[in-house]
């Protein structure tokens, strides 16, 4: 999982590629608070159900989504275990303005990626679902780095999963 504050996102987006390394170093050297780690663990847990059990419109914040589920009684009807229901409630409380702005899935490569934004926390979170299938493990084992730019490399398995069917766009 990789998070950047809004200030670092601006640097990352607006800077030449040689400054990307500086931004990465800023992010890697950050100490994460206990509450931030819990937020990240919560969204990681829910990525396994997203798209299967529920989806959230990208314009709807988590607090509004959960409130609607509670008001209509649909939260109890959802096919989520008690832990995941608790996580949804906690996310609505701890990250109320959080939104899932994009969810990438591809049945051919078995990739699921959630991209969430919290304006209140000034955080962008990219979450790759963990390995669940033989296909996932195949891509996990493609450990060589794929060079994107001069000093920017990514895990070649993730890169192939995201680019095989152009699901990254």
N, C-alpha and C. Protein backbone atom coordinates (compact mmCIF):
# COMPACT_ATOMS: atom_id res chain seq x y z
N UNK A 1 0.84 -1.16 0.00
CA UNK A 1 0.00 0.00 0.00
C UNK A 1 0.89 1.23 0.00
N UNK A 2 0.45 2.26 -0.67
CA UNK A 2 1.26 3.46 -0.82
C UNK A 2 0.36 4.67 -0.62
N UNK A 3 0.71 5.55 0.28
CA UNK A 3 -0.09 6.76 0.48
C UNK A 3 0.78 7.99 0.30
N UNK A 4 0.13 9.05 -0.16
CA UNK A 4 0.80 10.34 -0.31
C UNK A 4 -0.13 11.40 0.23
N UNK A 5 0.44 12.41 0.83
CA UNK A 5 -0.39 13.54 1.22
C UNK A 5 -0.68 14.37 -0.01
N UNK A 6 -1.64 15.27 0.10
CA UNK A 6 -2.02 16.08 -1.06
C UNK A 6 -0.85 16.93 -1.56
N UNK A 7 0.00 17.40 -0.65
CA UNK A 7 1.15 18.20 -1.08
C UNK A 7 2.09 17.36 -1.94
N UNK A 8 2.30 16.12 -1.57
CA UNK A 8 3.19 15.25 -2.33
C UNK A 8 2.57 14.87 -3.66
N UNK A 9 1.25 14.74 -3.70
CA UNK A 9 0.58 14.44 -4.97
C UNK A 9 0.84 15.56 -5.95
N UNK A 10 0.74 16.81 -5.49
CA UNK A 10 1.01 17.94 -6.37
C UNK A 10 2.44 17.88 -6.90
N UNK A 11 3.38 17.57 -6.04
CA UNK A 11 4.78 17.45 -6.47
C UNK A 11 4.91 16.34 -7.49
N UNK A 12 4.28 15.20 -7.22
CA UNK A 12 4.39 14.04 -8.08
C UNK A 12 3.81 14.32 -9.46
N UNK A 13 2.67 14.97 -9.50
CA UNK A 13 1.99 15.21 -10.77
C UNK A 13 2.65 16.31 -11.57
N UNK A 14 3.12 17.36 -10.91
CA UNK A 14 3.60 18.53 -11.63
C UNK A 14 5.11 18.58 -11.84
N UNK A 15 5.85 17.61 -11.37
CA UNK A 15 7.30 17.71 -11.42
C UNK A 15 7.90 16.83 -12.50
N UNK A 16 9.12 17.16 -12.92
CA UNK A 16 9.83 16.30 -13.86
C UNK A 16 10.14 14.95 -13.21
N UNK A 17 10.40 13.95 -14.02
CA UNK A 17 10.56 12.59 -13.52
C UNK A 17 11.70 12.43 -12.51
N UNK A 18 12.77 13.23 -12.59
CA UNK A 18 13.85 13.07 -11.62
C UNK A 18 13.42 13.47 -10.21
N UNK A 19 12.37 14.27 -10.08
CA UNK A 19 11.90 14.66 -8.75
C UNK A 19 10.95 13.62 -8.16
N UNK A 20 10.53 12.65 -8.95
CA UNK A 20 9.66 11.59 -8.43
C UNK A 20 10.38 10.83 -7.34
N UNK A 21 11.66 10.62 -7.49
CA UNK A 21 12.44 9.93 -6.47
C UNK A 21 12.36 10.66 -5.14
N UNK A 22 12.46 12.00 -5.17
CA UNK A 22 12.36 12.78 -3.94
C UNK A 22 11.00 12.58 -3.28
N UNK A 23 9.94 12.60 -4.07
CA UNK A 23 8.59 12.40 -3.54
C UNK A 23 8.47 11.02 -2.92
N UNK A 24 8.98 10.01 -3.59
CA UNK A 24 8.93 8.65 -3.08
C UNK A 24 9.65 8.57 -1.75
N UNK A 25 10.82 9.21 -1.66
CA UNK A 25 11.57 9.19 -0.40
C UNK A 25 10.79 9.88 0.70
N UNK A 26 10.12 10.98 0.39
CA UNK A 26 9.30 11.66 1.39
C UNK A 26 8.22 10.73 1.92
N UNK A 27 7.59 9.99 1.02
CA UNK A 27 6.51 9.09 1.43
C UNK A 27 7.04 7.90 2.21
N UNK A 28 8.16 7.34 1.79
CA UNK A 28 8.70 6.17 2.47
C UNK A 28 9.20 6.49 3.86
N UNK A 29 9.65 7.69 4.09
CA UNK A 29 10.19 8.06 5.39
C UNK A 29 9.13 8.54 6.37
N UNK A 30 7.88 8.58 5.96
CA UNK A 30 6.83 9.05 6.84
C UNK A 30 6.51 8.03 7.90
N UNK A 31 6.37 8.49 9.12
CA UNK A 31 5.87 7.64 10.18
C UNK A 31 4.35 7.68 10.11
N UNK A 32 3.73 6.51 10.05
CA UNK A 32 2.28 6.45 10.01
C UNK A 32 1.73 6.31 11.41
N UNK A 33 0.71 7.07 11.71
CA UNK A 33 0.09 6.97 13.03
C UNK A 33 -0.70 5.67 13.13
N UNK A 34 -1.01 5.30 14.34
CA UNK A 34 -1.80 4.10 14.58
C UNK A 34 -3.17 4.22 13.90
N UNK A 35 -3.80 5.38 14.00
CA UNK A 35 -5.12 5.56 13.38
C UNK A 35 -5.05 5.47 11.86
N UNK A 36 -3.98 6.00 11.26
CA UNK A 36 -3.81 5.88 9.81
C UNK A 36 -3.65 4.43 9.41
N UNK A 37 -2.85 3.68 10.16
CA UNK A 37 -2.67 2.25 9.85
C UNK A 37 -3.99 1.51 9.95
N UNK A 38 -4.81 1.82 10.95
CA UNK A 38 -6.11 1.17 11.06
C UNK A 38 -7.00 1.52 9.87
N UNK A 39 -6.99 2.78 9.43
CA UNK A 39 -7.76 3.17 8.25
C UNK A 39 -7.33 2.36 7.03
N UNK A 40 -6.03 2.21 6.85
CA UNK A 40 -5.51 1.48 5.70
C UNK A 40 -5.86 -0.01 5.78
N UNK A 41 -5.80 -0.56 6.97
CA UNK A 41 -6.19 -1.97 7.14
C UNK A 41 -7.68 -2.17 6.87
N UNK A 42 -8.49 -1.22 7.26
CA UNK A 42 -9.93 -1.33 7.01
C UNK A 42 -10.23 -1.37 5.51
N UNK A 43 -9.63 -0.44 4.77
CA UNK A 43 -9.92 -0.42 3.33
C UNK A 43 -9.35 -1.66 2.64
N UNK A 44 -8.23 -2.15 3.14
CA UNK A 44 -7.66 -3.38 2.59
C UNK A 44 -8.60 -4.55 2.79
N UNK A 45 -9.20 -4.63 3.95
CA UNK A 45 -10.14 -5.72 4.24
C UNK A 45 -11.36 -5.65 3.32
N UNK A 46 -11.84 -4.46 3.04
CA UNK A 46 -13.05 -4.33 2.23
C UNK A 46 -12.83 -4.54 0.74
N UNK A 47 -11.59 -4.42 0.27
CA UNK A 47 -11.34 -4.57 -1.17
C UNK A 47 -11.71 -5.97 -1.65
N UNK A 48 -11.68 -6.94 -0.76
CA UNK A 48 -12.05 -8.31 -1.12
C UNK A 48 -13.53 -8.43 -1.47
N UNK A 49 -14.37 -7.58 -0.91
CA UNK A 49 -15.80 -7.64 -1.16
C UNK A 49 -16.29 -6.62 -2.18
N UNK A 50 -15.48 -5.62 -2.44
CA UNK A 50 -15.91 -4.55 -3.34
C UNK A 50 -16.12 -5.12 -4.75
N UNK A 51 -17.23 -4.78 -5.34
CA UNK A 51 -17.56 -5.27 -6.67
C UNK A 51 -18.30 -6.59 -6.64
N UNK A 52 -18.16 -7.35 -5.57
CA UNK A 52 -18.87 -8.63 -5.43
C UNK A 52 -20.12 -8.44 -4.57
N UNK A 53 -19.93 -7.86 -3.40
CA UNK A 53 -21.01 -7.71 -2.42
C UNK A 53 -21.61 -6.31 -2.47
N UNK A 54 -20.80 -5.32 -2.78
CA UNK A 54 -21.29 -3.94 -2.82
C UNK A 54 -20.39 -3.10 -3.70
N UNK A 55 -20.94 -1.98 -4.13
CA UNK A 55 -20.19 -0.93 -4.82
C UNK A 55 -20.69 0.41 -4.29
N UNK A 56 -19.87 1.41 -4.42
CA UNK A 56 -20.23 2.75 -3.96
C UNK A 56 -20.03 3.71 -5.13
N UNK A 57 -21.03 4.49 -5.44
CA UNK A 57 -20.90 5.49 -6.49
C UNK A 57 -19.75 6.42 -6.14
N UNK A 58 -18.93 6.78 -7.12
CA UNK A 58 -17.73 7.57 -6.84
C UNK A 58 -18.02 8.95 -6.28
N UNK A 59 -19.25 9.42 -6.40
CA UNK A 59 -19.61 10.73 -5.85
C UNK A 59 -20.17 10.63 -4.43
N UNK A 60 -20.30 9.41 -3.91
CA UNK A 60 -20.89 9.19 -2.60
C UNK A 60 -19.78 8.88 -1.59
N UNK A 61 -19.79 9.61 -0.49
CA UNK A 61 -18.79 9.36 0.55
C UNK A 61 -19.23 8.15 1.39
N UNK A 62 -18.27 7.55 2.07
CA UNK A 62 -18.52 6.33 2.84
C UNK A 62 -19.57 6.56 3.93
N UNK A 63 -19.56 7.73 4.56
CA UNK A 63 -20.53 8.02 5.61
C UNK A 63 -21.96 7.99 5.05
N UNK A 64 -22.17 8.60 3.91
CA UNK A 64 -23.49 8.63 3.27
C UNK A 64 -23.91 7.22 2.85
N UNK A 65 -22.98 6.45 2.29
CA UNK A 65 -23.26 5.09 1.85
C UNK A 65 -23.70 4.22 3.03
N UNK A 66 -22.94 4.25 4.11
CA UNK A 66 -23.25 3.43 5.28
C UNK A 66 -24.55 3.90 5.94
N UNK A 67 -24.75 5.19 6.03
CA UNK A 67 -25.97 5.73 6.62
C UNK A 67 -27.19 5.25 5.84
N UNK A 68 -27.10 5.26 4.52
CA UNK A 68 -28.19 4.78 3.67
C UNK A 68 -28.45 3.29 3.91
N UNK A 69 -27.38 2.50 4.04
CA UNK A 69 -27.54 1.07 4.32
C UNK A 69 -28.24 0.85 5.66
N UNK A 70 -27.86 1.63 6.65
CA UNK A 70 -28.48 1.50 7.97
C UNK A 70 -29.95 1.93 7.95
N UNK A 71 -30.22 3.06 7.31
CA UNK A 71 -31.59 3.59 7.27
C UNK A 71 -32.56 2.65 6.54
N UNK A 72 -32.07 1.95 5.54
CA UNK A 72 -32.93 1.05 4.76
C UNK A 72 -32.90 -0.39 5.25
N UNK A 73 -32.05 -0.67 6.25
CA UNK A 73 -31.94 -2.03 6.77
C UNK A 73 -31.10 -2.96 5.90
N UNK A 74 -30.47 -2.40 4.87
CA UNK A 74 -29.70 -3.23 3.94
C UNK A 74 -28.35 -3.67 4.49
N UNK A 75 -27.85 -2.97 5.50
CA UNK A 75 -26.57 -3.37 6.08
C UNK A 75 -26.66 -4.78 6.65
N UNK A 76 -27.72 -5.07 7.36
CA UNK A 76 -27.90 -6.40 7.95
C UNK A 76 -28.15 -7.46 6.89
N UNK A 77 -28.68 -7.07 5.75
CA UNK A 77 -28.96 -8.02 4.67
C UNK A 77 -27.75 -8.32 3.80
N UNK A 78 -26.73 -7.46 3.87
CA UNK A 78 -25.54 -7.66 3.03
C UNK A 78 -24.84 -8.95 3.40
N UNK A 79 -24.32 -9.60 2.39
CA UNK A 79 -23.59 -10.84 2.62
C UNK A 79 -22.14 -10.53 2.99
N UNK A 80 -22.02 -9.91 4.16
CA UNK A 80 -20.71 -9.60 4.75
C UNK A 80 -20.69 -10.22 6.13
N UNK A 81 -19.52 -10.70 6.52
CA UNK A 81 -19.42 -11.22 7.89
C UNK A 81 -19.44 -10.04 8.87
N UNK A 82 -19.58 -10.34 10.15
CA UNK A 82 -19.70 -9.29 11.17
C UNK A 82 -18.48 -8.39 11.21
N UNK A 83 -17.29 -8.96 10.98
CA UNK A 83 -16.07 -8.15 10.99
C UNK A 83 -16.10 -7.11 9.89
N UNK A 84 -16.50 -7.50 8.70
CA UNK A 84 -16.52 -6.56 7.58
C UNK A 84 -17.63 -5.51 7.75
N UNK A 85 -18.76 -5.90 8.33
CA UNK A 85 -19.80 -4.92 8.63
C UNK A 85 -19.28 -3.90 9.64
N UNK A 86 -18.57 -4.39 10.63
CA UNK A 86 -17.99 -3.50 11.65
C UNK A 86 -17.00 -2.54 10.99
N UNK A 87 -16.21 -3.05 10.05
CA UNK A 87 -15.23 -2.21 9.34
C UNK A 87 -15.94 -1.11 8.56
N UNK A 88 -17.03 -1.44 7.87
CA UNK A 88 -17.79 -0.41 7.16
C UNK A 88 -18.26 0.69 8.11
N UNK A 89 -18.79 0.28 9.26
CA UNK A 89 -19.25 1.27 10.25
C UNK A 89 -18.09 2.11 10.77
N UNK A 90 -16.95 1.48 11.02
CA UNK A 90 -15.78 2.22 11.51
C UNK A 90 -15.27 3.20 10.46
N UNK A 91 -15.28 2.77 9.20
CA UNK A 91 -14.82 3.68 8.14
C UNK A 91 -15.73 4.90 8.04
N UNK A 92 -17.04 4.68 8.17
CA UNK A 92 -17.97 5.81 8.12
C UNK A 92 -17.71 6.79 9.26
N UNK A 93 -17.28 6.25 10.39
CA UNK A 93 -16.99 7.09 11.56
C UNK A 93 -15.61 7.76 11.47
N UNK A 94 -14.61 7.02 11.06
CA UNK A 94 -13.22 7.52 11.09
C UNK A 94 -12.81 8.27 9.84
N UNK A 95 -13.39 7.92 8.68
CA UNK A 95 -13.04 8.56 7.41
C UNK A 95 -14.33 8.91 6.67
N UNK A 96 -15.16 9.75 7.27
CA UNK A 96 -16.50 9.99 6.71
C UNK A 96 -16.53 10.56 5.30
N UNK A 97 -15.52 11.34 4.93
CA UNK A 97 -15.52 11.94 3.59
C UNK A 97 -14.82 11.05 2.56
N UNK A 98 -14.38 9.88 2.98
CA UNK A 98 -13.67 8.98 2.07
C UNK A 98 -14.55 8.52 0.92
N UNK A 99 -13.95 8.44 -0.26
CA UNK A 99 -14.67 7.99 -1.46
C UNK A 99 -13.80 7.00 -2.23
N UNK A 100 -14.43 6.02 -2.83
CA UNK A 100 -13.72 5.15 -3.75
C UNK A 100 -13.92 5.75 -5.13
N UNK A 101 -12.86 6.31 -5.67
CA UNK A 101 -13.00 7.03 -6.94
C UNK A 101 -12.79 6.14 -8.16
N UNK A 102 -12.17 4.99 -7.93
CA UNK A 102 -11.99 4.06 -9.04
C UNK A 102 -11.79 2.65 -8.49
N UNK A 103 -12.34 1.69 -9.19
CA UNK A 103 -12.13 0.29 -8.86
C UNK A 103 -11.81 -0.42 -10.16
N UNK A 104 -10.64 -1.02 -10.20
CA UNK A 104 -10.18 -1.71 -11.41
C UNK A 104 -10.28 -3.21 -11.17
N UNK A 105 -10.90 -3.90 -12.10
CA UNK A 105 -10.99 -5.35 -12.00
C UNK A 105 -10.88 -5.94 -13.39
N UNK A 106 -10.27 -7.09 -13.48
CA UNK A 106 -10.12 -7.77 -14.76
C UNK A 106 -10.18 -9.28 -14.51
N UNK A 107 -11.21 -9.95 -15.00
CA UNK A 107 -11.32 -11.39 -14.77
C UNK A 107 -10.22 -12.21 -15.46
N UNK A 108 -9.65 -11.69 -16.55
CA UNK A 108 -8.59 -12.43 -17.25
C UNK A 108 -7.30 -12.51 -16.42
N UNK A 109 -6.95 -11.41 -15.78
CA UNK A 109 -5.71 -11.40 -14.98
C UNK A 109 -5.99 -11.50 -13.48
N UNK A 110 -7.26 -11.46 -13.10
CA UNK A 110 -7.71 -11.56 -11.71
C UNK A 110 -7.12 -10.47 -10.83
N UNK A 111 -7.08 -9.25 -11.36
CA UNK A 111 -6.60 -8.11 -10.56
C UNK A 111 -7.80 -7.31 -10.06
N UNK A 112 -7.70 -6.84 -8.83
CA UNK A 112 -8.65 -5.89 -8.28
C UNK A 112 -7.83 -4.82 -7.57
N UNK A 113 -8.10 -3.57 -7.92
CA UNK A 113 -7.39 -2.44 -7.34
C UNK A 113 -8.42 -1.37 -6.99
N UNK A 114 -8.36 -0.89 -5.77
CA UNK A 114 -9.22 0.21 -5.35
C UNK A 114 -8.40 1.47 -5.17
N UNK A 115 -8.95 2.59 -5.63
CA UNK A 115 -8.30 3.88 -5.44
C UNK A 115 -9.27 4.74 -4.64
N UNK A 116 -8.85 5.12 -3.45
CA UNK A 116 -9.71 5.88 -2.55
C UNK A 116 -9.09 7.23 -2.24
N UNK A 117 -9.95 8.21 -2.03
CA UNK A 117 -9.51 9.56 -1.69
C UNK A 117 -10.25 10.01 -0.44
N UNK A 118 -9.52 10.58 0.47
CA UNK A 118 -10.12 11.20 1.65
C UNK A 118 -9.65 12.64 1.70
N UNK A 119 -10.54 13.55 1.36
CA UNK A 119 -10.18 14.98 1.42
C UNK A 119 -9.95 15.40 2.85
N UNK A 120 -10.76 14.87 3.77
CA UNK A 120 -10.61 15.22 5.18
C UNK A 120 -9.27 14.81 5.75
N UNK A 121 -8.77 13.65 5.34
CA UNK A 121 -7.47 13.16 5.81
C UNK A 121 -6.33 13.56 4.89
N UNK A 122 -6.68 14.20 3.74
CA UNK A 122 -5.69 14.59 2.74
C UNK A 122 -4.85 13.38 2.34
N UNK A 123 -5.57 12.34 1.87
CA UNK A 123 -4.89 11.08 1.59
C UNK A 123 -5.47 10.43 0.34
N UNK A 124 -4.59 9.87 -0.46
CA UNK A 124 -4.96 9.01 -1.58
C UNK A 124 -4.41 7.63 -1.26
N UNK A 125 -5.26 6.62 -1.39
CA UNK A 125 -4.83 5.26 -1.08
C UNK A 125 -5.07 4.38 -2.29
N UNK A 126 -4.07 3.61 -2.67
CA UNK A 126 -4.19 2.62 -3.74
C UNK A 126 -4.02 1.26 -3.10
N UNK A 127 -5.04 0.41 -3.25
CA UNK A 127 -5.03 -0.90 -2.61
C UNK A 127 -5.16 -1.99 -3.66
N UNK A 128 -4.18 -2.89 -3.70
CA UNK A 128 -4.26 -4.07 -4.53
C UNK A 128 -4.79 -5.21 -3.67
N UNK A 129 -5.83 -5.90 -4.16
CA UNK A 129 -6.33 -7.04 -3.42
C UNK A 129 -5.24 -8.11 -3.37
N UNK A 130 -5.16 -8.82 -2.29
CA UNK A 130 -4.16 -9.86 -2.13
C UNK A 130 -4.42 -11.06 -3.04
N UNK A 131 -3.49 -11.97 -3.03
CA UNK A 131 -3.55 -13.14 -3.91
C UNK A 131 -4.61 -14.12 -3.46
N UNK A 132 -5.50 -14.47 -4.39
CA UNK A 132 -6.57 -15.43 -4.12
C UNK A 132 -6.59 -16.59 -5.10
N UNK A 133 -5.85 -16.49 -6.18
CA UNK A 133 -5.97 -17.50 -7.23
C UNK A 133 -4.59 -17.87 -7.78
N UNK A 134 -4.57 -18.91 -8.57
CA UNK A 134 -3.33 -19.32 -9.24
C UNK A 134 -2.85 -18.21 -10.16
N UNK A 135 -3.79 -17.54 -10.83
CA UNK A 135 -3.43 -16.42 -11.70
C UNK A 135 -2.73 -15.32 -10.92
N UNK A 136 -3.26 -14.99 -9.73
CA UNK A 136 -2.62 -13.98 -8.88
C UNK A 136 -1.18 -14.38 -8.56
N UNK A 137 -1.00 -15.63 -8.18
CA UNK A 137 0.34 -16.10 -7.81
C UNK A 137 1.29 -16.06 -9.00
N UNK A 138 0.78 -16.36 -10.19
CA UNK A 138 1.60 -16.28 -11.39
C UNK A 138 2.16 -14.86 -11.54
N UNK A 139 1.28 -13.86 -11.44
CA UNK A 139 1.73 -12.47 -11.58
C UNK A 139 2.61 -12.03 -10.41
N UNK A 140 2.32 -12.55 -9.21
CA UNK A 140 3.16 -12.24 -8.05
C UNK A 140 4.61 -12.68 -8.27
N UNK A 141 4.78 -13.81 -8.94
CA UNK A 141 6.11 -14.37 -9.14
C UNK A 141 6.89 -13.70 -10.26
N UNK A 142 6.26 -12.82 -11.00
CA UNK A 142 6.97 -12.02 -12.01
C UNK A 142 7.63 -10.85 -11.29
N UNK A 143 8.70 -11.15 -10.58
CA UNK A 143 9.28 -10.19 -9.63
C UNK A 143 10.27 -9.19 -10.24
N UNK A 144 10.65 -9.39 -11.46
CA UNK A 144 11.58 -8.43 -12.07
C UNK A 144 10.88 -7.08 -12.19
N UNK A 145 11.67 -6.03 -12.17
CA UNK A 145 11.13 -4.68 -12.26
C UNK A 145 10.90 -4.30 -13.72
N UNK A 146 9.83 -3.57 -13.97
CA UNK A 146 9.54 -3.02 -15.28
C UNK A 146 9.86 -1.52 -15.23
N UNK A 147 10.70 -1.06 -16.13
CA UNK A 147 11.11 0.34 -16.13
C UNK A 147 10.06 1.19 -16.84
N UNK A 148 9.50 2.16 -16.11
CA UNK A 148 8.52 3.09 -16.69
C UNK A 148 9.21 4.33 -17.26
N UNK A 149 10.13 4.89 -16.47
CA UNK A 149 10.88 6.09 -16.83
C UNK A 149 12.31 5.90 -16.34
N UNK A 150 13.13 6.94 -16.44
CA UNK A 150 14.53 6.86 -16.06
C UNK A 150 14.76 6.20 -14.71
N UNK A 151 14.15 6.71 -13.67
CA UNK A 151 14.39 6.19 -12.33
C UNK A 151 13.14 5.59 -11.70
N UNK A 152 12.13 5.28 -12.51
CA UNK A 152 10.88 4.76 -11.99
C UNK A 152 10.66 3.35 -12.51
N UNK A 153 10.62 2.40 -11.57
CA UNK A 153 10.37 1.01 -11.91
C UNK A 153 9.21 0.49 -11.07
N UNK A 154 8.50 -0.48 -11.62
CA UNK A 154 7.38 -1.09 -10.90
C UNK A 154 7.50 -2.60 -10.99
N UNK A 155 6.82 -3.31 -10.11
CA UNK A 155 6.76 -4.76 -10.10
C UNK A 155 6.18 -5.21 -11.45
N UNK A 156 6.89 -6.05 -12.17
CA UNK A 156 6.45 -6.41 -13.51
C UNK A 156 5.14 -7.20 -13.52
N UNK A 157 4.87 -7.96 -12.47
CA UNK A 157 3.61 -8.69 -12.40
C UNK A 157 2.41 -7.76 -12.29
N UNK A 158 2.50 -6.78 -11.39
CA UNK A 158 1.42 -5.79 -11.27
C UNK A 158 1.27 -5.03 -12.58
N UNK A 159 2.40 -4.67 -13.17
CA UNK A 159 2.37 -3.92 -14.42
C UNK A 159 1.64 -4.71 -15.50
N UNK A 160 1.97 -5.99 -15.62
CA UNK A 160 1.30 -6.82 -16.63
C UNK A 160 -0.18 -6.98 -16.35
N UNK A 161 -0.54 -7.16 -15.07
CA UNK A 161 -1.96 -7.28 -14.73
C UNK A 161 -2.73 -6.01 -15.11
N UNK A 162 -2.12 -4.87 -14.88
CA UNK A 162 -2.79 -3.60 -15.17
C UNK A 162 -2.83 -3.26 -16.66
N UNK A 163 -1.88 -3.78 -17.43
CA UNK A 163 -1.80 -3.37 -18.83
C UNK A 163 -2.26 -4.43 -19.83
N UNK A 164 -2.40 -5.67 -19.41
CA UNK A 164 -2.77 -6.74 -20.34
C UNK A 164 -4.04 -6.41 -21.12
N UNK A 165 -5.06 -5.98 -20.46
CA UNK A 165 -6.33 -5.64 -21.12
C UNK A 165 -6.66 -4.14 -21.00
N UNK A 166 -5.63 -3.34 -20.78
CA UNK A 166 -5.78 -1.89 -20.63
C UNK A 166 -6.76 -1.50 -19.54
N UNK A 167 -6.79 -2.25 -18.45
CA UNK A 167 -7.72 -1.95 -17.35
C UNK A 167 -7.27 -0.75 -16.54
N UNK A 168 -6.05 -0.32 -16.72
CA UNK A 168 -5.48 0.79 -15.93
C UNK A 168 -5.99 2.16 -16.37
N UNK A 169 -6.62 2.25 -17.49
CA UNK A 169 -7.02 3.57 -18.02
C UNK A 169 -8.20 4.15 -17.31
